[in-house]
C-alpha atoms as a PDB file:
ATOM      1  CA  UNK A   1     123.732 -93.987  18.922  1.00  0.00           C
ATOM      2  CA  UNK A   2     126.823 -92.823  16.889  1.00  0.00           C
ATOM      3  CA  UNK A   3     125.055 -89.129  17.422  1.00  0.00           C
ATOM      4  CA  UNK A   4     124.392 -89.718  20.751  1.00  0.00           C
ATOM      5  CA  UNK A   5     127.689 -90.527  21.610  1.00  0.00           C
ATOM      6  CA  UNK A   6     129.068 -87.678  19.993  1.00  0.00           C
ATOM      7  CA  UNK A   7     127.456 -85.298  22.613  1.00  0.00           C
ATOM      8  CA  UNK A   8     128.840 -84.722  25.972  1.00  0.00           C
ATOM      9  CA  UNK A   9     127.156 -85.721  29.002  1.00  0.00           C
ATOM     10  CA  UNK A  10     126.906 -81.329  29.899  1.00  0.00           C
ATOM     11  CA  UNK A  11     124.947 -80.693  26.759  1.00  0.00           C
ATOM     12  CA  UNK A  12     122.754 -84.053  27.035  1.00  0.00           C
ATOM     13  CA  UNK A  13     121.442 -82.811  30.371  1.00  0.00           C
ATOM     14  CA  UNK A  14     121.142 -79.297  28.969  1.00  0.00           C
ATOM     15  CA  UNK A  15     118.695 -80.450  26.413  1.00  0.00           C
ATOM     16  CA  UNK A  16     116.695 -82.797  28.339  1.00  0.00           C
ATOM     17  CA  UNK A  17     116.152 -79.761  31.026  1.00  0.00           C
ATOM     18  CA  UNK A  18     115.104 -77.696  28.087  1.00  0.00           C
ATOM     19  CA  UNK A  19     112.645 -80.042  27.285  1.00  0.00           C
ATOM     20  CA  UNK A  20     111.133 -80.316  30.534  1.00  0.00           C
ATOM     21  CA  UNK A  21     111.046 -76.818  31.059  1.00  0.00           C
ATOM     22  CA  UNK A  22     109.414 -76.327  27.750  1.00  0.00           C
ATOM     23  CA  UNK A  23     106.692 -78.935  28.600  1.00  0.00           C
ATOM     24  CA  UNK A  24     106.158 -77.756  32.137  1.00  0.00           C
ATOM     25  CA  UNK A  25     105.410 -74.254  30.308  1.00  0.00           C
ATOM     26  CA  UNK A  26     102.554 -75.615  28.198  1.00  0.00           C
ATOM     27  CA  UNK A  27      99.168 -76.116  30.292  1.00  0.00           C
ATOM     28  CA  UNK A  28      95.704 -77.347  28.743  1.00  0.00           C
ATOM     29  CA  UNK A  29      92.596 -76.281  30.271  1.00  0.00           C
ATOM     30  CA  UNK A  30      89.444 -77.598  29.473  1.00  0.00           C
ATOM     31  CA  UNK A  31      86.722 -75.760  28.319  1.00  0.00           C
ATOM     32  CA  UNK A  32      84.739 -75.495  31.587  1.00  0.00           C
ATOM     33  CA  UNK A  33      88.288 -74.658  33.397  1.00  0.00           C
ATOM     34  CA  UNK A  34      90.267 -71.040  34.242  1.00  0.00           C
ATOM     35  CA  UNK A  35      93.707 -70.886  35.013  1.00  0.00           C
ATOM     36  CA  UNK A  36      94.425 -68.150  37.685  1.00  0.00           C
ATOM     37  CA  UNK A  37      97.779 -67.368  37.109  1.00  0.00           C
ATOM     38  CA  UNK A  38     100.131 -65.795  39.999  1.00  0.00           C
ATOM     39  CA  UNK A  39     103.694 -64.090  38.982  1.00  0.00           C
ATOM     40  CA  UNK A  40     106.273 -64.315  41.486  1.00  0.00           C
ATOM     41  CA  UNK A  41     103.225 -63.772  44.184  1.00  0.00           C
ATOM     42  CA  UNK A  42     100.927 -61.510  42.074  1.00  0.00           C
ATOM     43  CA  UNK A  43      97.725 -62.105  40.218  1.00  0.00           C
ATOM     44  CA  UNK A  44      98.123 -61.565  36.543  1.00  0.00           C
ATOM     45  CA  UNK A  45      94.689 -62.969  35.671  1.00  0.00           C
ATOM     46  CA  UNK A  46      92.879 -65.643  34.461  1.00  0.00           C
ATOM     47  CA  UNK A  47      93.558 -67.642  31.345  1.00  0.00           C
ATOM     48  CA  UNK A  48      91.571 -70.516  29.136  1.00  0.00           C
ATOM     49  CA  UNK A  49      90.132 -72.575  27.877  1.00  0.00           C
ATOM     50  CA  UNK A  50      93.161 -74.317  25.430  1.00  0.00           C
ATOM     51  CA  UNK A  51      96.574 -74.033  25.664  1.00  0.00           C
ATOM     52  CA  UNK A  52      98.212 -71.605  27.722  1.00  0.00           C
ATOM     53  CA  UNK A  53     101.603 -70.746  28.462  1.00  0.00           C
ATOM     54  CA  UNK A  54     103.920 -69.755  31.826  1.00  0.00           C
ATOM     55  CA  UNK A  55     106.744 -69.144  32.808  1.00  0.00           C
ATOM     56  CA  UNK A  56     108.272 -72.343  34.740  1.00  0.00           C
ATOM     57  CA  UNK A  57     108.912 -71.663  38.607  1.00  0.00           C
ATOM     58  CA  UNK A  58     108.142 -67.878  38.130  1.00  0.00           C
ATOM     59  CA  UNK A  59     104.527 -68.337  37.520  1.00  0.00           C
ATOM     60  CA  UNK A  60     101.953 -70.209  39.368  1.00  0.00           C
ATOM     61  CA  UNK A  61      98.507 -72.006  38.209  1.00  0.00           C
ATOM     62  CA  UNK A  62      95.091 -72.566  39.834  1.00  0.00           C
ATOM     63  CA  UNK A  63      93.029 -74.625  38.114  1.00  0.00           C
ATOM     64  CA  UNK A  64      89.154 -72.848  38.632  1.00  0.00           C
ATOM     65  CA  UNK A  65      86.110 -75.356  37.935  1.00  0.00           C
ATOM     66  CA  UNK A  66      83.310 -73.240  36.164  1.00  0.00           C
ATOM     67  CA  UNK A  67      80.518 -75.987  36.372  1.00  0.00           C
ATOM     68  CA  UNK A  68      77.625 -75.815  38.577  1.00  0.00           C
ATOM     69  CA  UNK A  69      78.213 -77.240  42.081  1.00  0.00           C
ATOM     70  CA  UNK A  70      75.743 -79.248  43.692  1.00  0.00           C
ATOM     71  CA  UNK A  71      76.089 -78.840  47.391  1.00  0.00           C
ATOM     72  CA  UNK A  72      73.648 -80.599  50.369  1.00  0.00           C
ATOM     73  CA  UNK A  73      73.580 -78.851  53.238  1.00  0.00           C
ATOM     74  CA  UNK A  74      73.235 -81.521  56.136  1.00  0.00           C
ATOM     75  CA  UNK A  75      69.892 -81.926  58.330  1.00  0.00           C
ATOM     76  CA  UNK A  76      69.646 -78.814  60.931  1.00  0.00           C
ATOM     77  CA  UNK A  77      67.843 -78.685  64.250  1.00  0.00           C
ATOM     78  CA  UNK A  78      66.108 -75.354  64.072  1.00  0.00           C
ATOM     79  CA  UNK A  79      63.071 -73.977  66.108  1.00  0.00           C
ATOM     80  CA  UNK A  80      60.687 -72.262  64.479  1.00  0.00           C
ATOM     81  CA  UNK A  81      59.004 -69.104  65.576  1.00  0.00           C
ATOM     82  CA  UNK A  82      56.161 -70.461  66.860  1.00  0.00           C
ATOM     83  CA  UNK A  83      58.570 -72.716  69.129  1.00  0.00           C
ATOM     84  CA  UNK A  84      58.771 -75.858  67.059  1.00  0.00           C
ATOM     85  CA  UNK A  85      61.544 -78.066  66.960  1.00  0.00           C
ATOM     86  CA  UNK A  86      62.099 -79.419  63.258  1.00  0.00           C
ATOM     87  CA  UNK A  87      65.364 -80.804  61.195  1.00  0.00           C
ATOM     88  CA  UNK A  88      65.741 -79.421  57.917  1.00  0.00           C
ATOM     89  CA  UNK A  89      67.792 -80.141  54.916  1.00  0.00           C
ATOM     90  CA  UNK A  90      68.461 -78.117  51.916  1.00  0.00           C
ATOM     91  CA  UNK A  91      70.426 -78.318  48.301  1.00  0.00           C
ATOM     92  CA  UNK A  92      72.441 -75.417  46.862  1.00  0.00           C
ATOM     93  CA  UNK A  93      73.146 -74.706  43.253  1.00  0.00           C
ATOM     94  CA  UNK A  94      75.946 -72.289  42.686  1.00  0.00           C
ATOM     95  CA  UNK A  95      78.970 -71.758  40.216  1.00  0.00           C
ATOM     96  CA  UNK A  96      81.986 -69.492  39.685  1.00  0.00           C
ATOM     97  CA  UNK A  97      81.380 -66.540  37.695  1.00  0.00           C
ATOM     98  CA  UNK A  98      84.961 -64.791  38.501  1.00  0.00           C
ATOM     99  CA  UNK A  99      87.858 -67.062  38.663  1.00  0.00           C
ATOM    100  CA  UNK A 100      90.289 -64.332  40.180  1.00  0.00           C
ATOM    101  CA  UNK A 101      87.774 -63.393  42.785  1.00  0.00           C
ATOM    102  CA  UNK A 102      87.179 -66.898  44.112  1.00  0.00           C
ATOM    103  CA  UNK A 103      91.087 -67.455  44.291  1.00  0.00           C
ATOM    104  CA  UNK A 104      91.988 -64.150  46.120  1.00  0.00           C
ATOM    105  CA  UNK A 105      88.685 -63.120  48.110  1.00  0.00           C
ATOM    106  CA  UNK A 106      88.106 -66.451  49.924  1.00  0.00           C
ATOM    107  CA  UNK A 107      90.219 -68.832  50.844  1.00  0.00           C
ATOM    108  CA  UNK A 108      88.338 -71.878  50.209  1.00  0.00           C
ATOM    109  CA  UNK A 109      85.041 -70.801  48.477  1.00  0.00           C
ATOM    110  CA  UNK A 110      83.454 -74.138  48.413  1.00  0.00           C
ATOM    111  CA  UNK A 111      83.809 -74.572  52.119  1.00  0.00           C
ATOM    112  CA  UNK A 112      82.855 -70.890  52.909  1.00  0.00           C
ATOM    113  CA  UNK A 113      79.794 -71.087  50.937  1.00  0.00           C
ATOM    114  CA  UNK A 114      78.447 -74.635  52.893  1.00  0.00           C
ATOM    115  CA  UNK A 115      79.047 -72.784  55.973  1.00  0.00           C
ATOM    116  CA  UNK A 116      77.302 -70.227  55.240  1.00  0.00           C
ATOM    117  CA  UNK A 117      74.059 -71.906  53.531  1.00  0.00           C
ATOM    118  CA  UNK A 118      73.973 -73.983  57.007  1.00  0.00           C
ATOM    119  CA  UNK A 119      73.645 -70.558  58.952  1.00  0.00           C
ATOM    120  CA  UNK A 120      71.278 -68.797  56.664  1.00  0.00           C
ATOM    121  CA  UNK A 121      69.029 -72.037  56.879  1.00  0.00           C
ATOM    122  CA  UNK A 122      69.179 -72.023  60.207  1.00  0.00           C
ATOM    123  CA  UNK A 123      68.438 -68.042  60.371  1.00  0.00           C
ATOM    124  CA  UNK A 124      65.581 -68.234  57.906  1.00  0.00           C
ATOM    125  CA  UNK A 125      63.747 -70.785  59.307  1.00  0.00           C
ATOM    126  CA  UNK A 126      64.125 -69.996  62.795  1.00  0.00           C
ATOM    127  CA  UNK A 127      61.807 -66.650  61.469  1.00  0.00           C
ATOM    128  CA  UNK A 128      59.475 -68.509  59.932  1.00  0.00           C
ATOM    129  CA  UNK A 129      56.323 -70.304  61.231  1.00  0.00           C
ATOM    130  CA  UNK A 130      56.158 -74.100  60.395  1.00  0.00           C
ATOM    131  CA  UNK A 131      52.311 -73.681  58.336  1.00  0.00           C
ATOM    132  CA  UNK A 132      54.966 -70.702  56.472  1.00  0.00           C
ATOM    133  CA  UNK A 133      57.507 -73.438  55.906  1.00  0.00           C
ATOM    134  CA  UNK A 134      54.710 -76.300  54.577  1.00  0.00           C
ATOM    135  CA  UNK A 135      52.844 -73.977  52.881  1.00  0.00           C
ATOM    136  CA  UNK A 136      55.265 -71.475  50.999  1.00  0.00           C
ATOM    137  CA  UNK A 137      58.215 -73.378  50.720  1.00  0.00           C
ATOM    138  CA  UNK A 138      58.815 -71.181  47.162  1.00  0.00           C
ATOM    139  CA  UNK A 139      59.148 -68.087  49.056  1.00  0.00           C
ATOM    140  CA  UNK A 140      61.484 -69.342  51.091  1.00  0.00           C
ATOM    141  CA  UNK A 141      63.752 -70.973  48.919  1.00  0.00           C
ATOM    142  CA  UNK A 142      63.669 -67.711  46.838  1.00  0.00           C
ATOM    143  CA  UNK A 143      64.768 -65.681  50.317  1.00  0.00           C
ATOM    144  CA  UNK A 144      67.590 -68.156  50.734  1.00  0.00           C
ATOM    145  CA  UNK A 145      68.691 -67.902  47.302  1.00  0.00           C
ATOM    146  CA  UNK A 146      68.606 -64.086  47.589  1.00  0.00           C
ATOM    147  CA  UNK A 147      70.255 -63.843  51.153  1.00  0.00           C
ATOM    148  CA  UNK A 148      73.236 -66.257  49.824  1.00  0.00           C
ATOM    149  CA  UNK A 149      73.828 -64.683  46.394  1.00  0.00           C
ATOM    150  CA  UNK A 150      74.442 -61.254  47.824  1.00  0.00           C
ATOM    151  CA  UNK A 151      76.747 -62.673  50.303  1.00  0.00           C
ATOM    152  CA  UNK A 152      78.650 -64.836  47.988  1.00  0.00           C
ATOM    153  CA  UNK A 153      79.188 -61.946  45.172  1.00  0.00           C
ATOM    154  CA  UNK A 154      82.568 -60.540  46.701  1.00  0.00           C
ATOM    155  CA  UNK A 155      83.605 -63.944  46.171  1.00  0.00           C
ATOM    156  CA  UNK A 156      82.885 -64.308  42.577  1.00  0.00           C
ATOM    157  CA  UNK A 157      80.058 -67.306  42.987  1.00  0.00           C
ATOM    158  CA  UNK A 158      76.879 -66.942  41.805  1.00  0.00           C
ATOM    159  CA  UNK A 159      74.225 -69.070  43.623  1.00  0.00           C
ATOM    160  CA  UNK A 160      71.423 -69.634  41.165  1.00  0.00           C
ATOM    161  CA  UNK A 161      68.678 -71.930  43.147  1.00  0.00           C
ATOM    162  CA  UNK A 162      68.410 -73.106  46.754  1.00  0.00           C
ATOM    163  CA  UNK A 163      65.428 -76.134  47.171  1.00  0.00           C
ATOM    164  CA  UNK A 164      64.623 -77.253  50.838  1.00  0.00           C
ATOM    165  CA  UNK A 165      64.379 -80.878  50.704  1.00  0.00           C
ATOM    166  CA  UNK A 166      62.872 -82.136  53.188  1.00  0.00           C
ATOM    167  CA  UNK A 167      61.395 -80.964  56.589  1.00  0.00           C
ATOM    168  CA  UNK A 168      61.162 -83.612  59.562  1.00  0.00           C
ATOM    169  CA  UNK A 169      59.091 -83.465  62.527  1.00  0.00           C
ATOM    170  CA  UNK A 170      58.814 -85.650  65.800  1.00  0.00           C
ATOM    171  CA  UNK A 171      55.663 -88.387  66.265  1.00  0.00           C
ATOM    172  CA  UNK A 172      53.791 -85.928  68.731  1.00  0.00           C
ATOM    173  CA  UNK A 173      53.877 -82.969  66.106  1.00  0.00           C
ATOM    174  CA  UNK A 174      53.052 -85.227  63.351  1.00  0.00           C
ATOM    175  CA  UNK A 175      50.025 -86.445  64.686  1.00  0.00           C
ATOM    176  CA  UNK A 176      48.924 -82.978  66.048  1.00  0.00           C
ATOM    177  CA  UNK A 177      49.037 -82.014  62.507  1.00  0.00           C
ATOM    178  CA  UNK A 178      46.758 -84.598  61.564  1.00  0.00           C
ATOM    179  CA  UNK A 179      44.543 -83.766  64.287  1.00  0.00           C
ATOM    180  CA  UNK A 180      44.401 -79.886  63.036  1.00  0.00           C
ATOM    181  CA  UNK A 181      43.817 -81.166  59.677  1.00  0.00           C
ATOM    182  CA  UNK A 182      40.960 -83.428  60.398  1.00  0.00           C
ATOM    183  CA  UNK A 183      39.568 -80.562  62.325  1.00  0.00           C
ATOM    184  CA  UNK A 184      39.802 -78.305  59.543  1.00  0.00           C
ATOM    185  CA  UNK A 185      37.906 -80.742  57.293  1.00  0.00           C
ATOM    186  CA  UNK A 186      35.444 -80.996  59.814  1.00  0.00           C
ATOM    187  CA  UNK A 187      34.922 -77.310  60.093  1.00  0.00           C
ATOM    188  CA  UNK A 188      34.634 -77.017  56.397  1.00  0.00           C
ATOM    189  CA  UNK A 189      31.886 -79.972  55.831  1.00  0.00           C
ATOM    190  CA  UNK A 190      29.652 -78.007  58.721  1.00  0.00           C
ATOM    191  CA  UNK A 191      30.302 -74.427  57.189  1.00  0.00           C
ATOM    192  CA  UNK A 192      29.146 -76.133  53.552  1.00  0.00           C
ATOM    193  CA  UNK A 193      26.105 -77.951  55.478  1.00  0.00           C
ATOM    194  CA  UNK A 194      25.350 -74.558  57.336  1.00  0.00           C
ATOM    195  CA  UNK A 195      25.179 -72.597  53.862  1.00  0.00           C
ATOM    196  CA  UNK A 196      22.952 -75.258  52.225  1.00  0.00           C
ATOM    197  CA  UNK A 197      20.759 -75.316  54.979  1.00  0.00           C
ATOM    198  CA  UNK A 198      20.542 -71.362  54.826  1.00  0.00           C
ATOM    199  CA  UNK A 199      20.073 -71.371  50.593  1.00  0.00           C
ATOM    200  CA  UNK A 200      17.515 -73.946  51.336  1.00  0.00           C
ATOM    201  CA  UNK A 201      15.549 -71.712  53.736  1.00  0.00           C
ATOM    202  CA  UNK A 202      15.646 -68.529  51.373  1.00  0.00           C
ATOM    203  CA  UNK A 203      14.318 -70.905  48.928  1.00  0.00           C
ATOM    204  CA  UNK A 204      11.236 -72.021  50.758  1.00  0.00           C
ATOM    205  CA  UNK A 205      10.885 -68.335  52.031  1.00  0.00           C
ATOM    206  CA  UNK A 206      10.588 -67.250  48.393  1.00  0.00           C
ATOM    207  CA  UNK A 207       8.406 -69.871  47.400  1.00  0.00           C
ATOM    208  CA  UNK A 208       6.032 -68.981  50.595  1.00  0.00           C
ATOM    209  CA  UNK A 209       5.677 -65.289  49.369  1.00  0.00           C
ATOM    210  CA  UNK A 210       4.755 -66.473  46.197  1.00  0.00           C
ATOM    211  CA  UNK A 211       2.288 -69.138  47.239  1.00  0.00           C
ATOM    212  CA  UNK A 212       0.757 -66.268  49.492  1.00  0.00           C
ATOM    213  CA  UNK A 213       0.267 -63.809  46.395  1.00  0.00           C
ATOM    214  CA  UNK A 214      -0.875 -66.710  44.380  1.00  0.00           C
ATOM    215  CA  UNK A 215      -3.304 -68.900  45.720  1.00  0.00           C
ATOM    216  CA  UNK A 216      -3.594 -70.773  42.689  1.00  0.00           C
ATOM    217  CA  UNK A 217      -0.143 -72.057  42.751  1.00  0.00           C
ATOM    218  CA  UNK A 218      -0.848 -74.021  46.223  1.00  0.00           C
ATOM    219  CA  UNK A 219      -3.645 -75.695  44.330  1.00  0.00           C
ATOM    220  CA  UNK A 220      -1.188 -76.641  41.601  1.00  0.00           C
ATOM    221  CA  UNK A 221       1.387 -77.643  43.911  1.00  0.00           C
ATOM    222  CA  UNK A 222      -1.160 -79.633  45.454  1.00  0.00           C
ATOM    223  CA  UNK A 223      -2.023 -81.317  42.320  1.00  0.00           C
ATOM    224  CA  UNK A 224       1.783 -82.236  41.348  1.00  0.00           C
ATOM    225  CA  UNK A 225       2.050 -83.692  45.011  1.00  0.00           C
ATOM    226  CA  UNK A 226      -1.139 -85.828  44.384  1.00  0.00           C
ATOM    227  CA  UNK A 227       0.464 -87.039  41.109  1.00  0.00           C
ATOM    228  CA  UNK A 228       3.838 -87.805  42.501  1.00  0.00           C
ATOM    229  CA  UNK A 229       1.964 -89.814  45.313  1.00  0.00           C
ATOM    230  CA  UNK A 230      -0.346 -91.771  42.975  1.00  0.00           C
ATOM    231  CA  UNK A 231       2.511 -93.268  40.778  1.00  0.00           C
ATOM    232  CA  UNK A 232       3.755 -94.893  44.040  1.00  0.00           C
ATOM    233  CA  UNK A 233       2.485 -98.349  45.120  1.00  0.00           C
ATOM    234  CA  UNK A 234       0.371 -96.900  48.091  1.00  0.00           C
ATOM    235  CA  UNK A 235      -3.305 -98.995  49.198  1.00  0.00           C
ATOM    236  CA  UNK A 236      -4.287 -95.716  50.538  1.00  0.00           C
ATOM    237  CA  UNK A 237      -4.029 -92.141  49.702  1.00  0.00           C
ATOM    238  CA  UNK A 238      -5.233 -89.505  52.069  1.00  0.00           C
ATOM    239  CA  UNK A 239      -6.428 -86.182  50.215  1.00  0.00           C
ATOM    240  CA  UNK A 240      -6.751 -82.923  52.169  1.00  0.00           C
ATOM    241  CA  UNK A 241      -9.573 -80.566  50.773  1.00  0.00           C
ATOM    242  CA  UNK A 242      -9.046 -77.158  51.023  1.00  0.00           C
ATOM    243  CA  UNK A 243     -11.054 -75.735  54.041  1.00  0.00           C
ATOM    244  CA  UNK A 244     -12.661 -72.950  51.740  1.00  0.00           C
ATOM    245  CA  UNK A 245     -14.396 -75.685  49.908  1.00  0.00           C
ATOM    246  CA  UNK A 246     -15.827 -77.538  53.487  1.00  0.00           C
ATOM    247  CA  UNK A 247     -16.936 -73.654  54.381  1.00  0.00           C
ATOM    248  CA  UNK A 248     -19.323 -73.631  51.407  1.00  0.00           C
ATOM    249  CA  UNK A 249     -20.542 -77.411  51.939  1.00  0.00           C
ATOM    250  CA  UNK A 250     -21.661 -76.519  55.754  1.00  0.00           C
ATOM    251  CA  UNK A 251     -22.967 -73.426  54.639  1.00  0.00           C
ATOM    252  CA  UNK A 252     -25.167 -74.787  52.086  1.00  0.00           C
ATOM    253  CA  UNK A 253     -26.227 -77.777  54.573  1.00  0.00           C
ATOM    254  CA  UNK A 254     -27.353 -75.001  57.171  1.00  0.00           C
ATOM    255  CA  UNK A 255     -29.968 -73.134  54.772  1.00  0.00           C
ATOM    256  CA  UNK A 256     -31.518 -76.463  54.019  1.00  0.00           C
END
């Protein structure tokens, strides 16, 4: 107390001012942060992470996060190339790779990336057909990612991934797609059945050609069929006789 009472008020306030000034000149940045420094309005560069020093009332520090940002695009009303009205939403993953460009190149890179993603989504989906959107979604995601990454590069932003989350159709269109899928399944079933009939006809034709060349094959097939019938519980078995055998019998009876 005696030491404090011996200091004049002016010196005391100067010391306090110097302490506040020194504390305001020290900044601590996290590992995922970078500090973009402007000195008297001019860009000095980015610093961090860790402890950095700035000149109070001369330097201005802007903190920029380098972590990946997950941006959800709200549902967009889009008309596809085949004139089908749908609602589609997506999610965009991006991060800042150049803090200087993210501050100087664009006023608000988060808002700008969001607006660009919405317009790009409507444009790309509008140039695609519904079947492509449902069956080739990976290709559309890659196309969206390439377009967004190309336009955000001057802002120091890297778009790493774009994923279409959901495609909403009206009830009538869902029923039409269901009918189309059912008709496609019926068509495939008929084609498979027709192919089976054609293959069976080819096999029968080949068997008939073999039997016409080798008559003994007919007798062997007859004996096999007779064996199969005899195993069943039938009270009467009709056995066809070869015409050649009957002809020889009638010729012998005529001679007598």
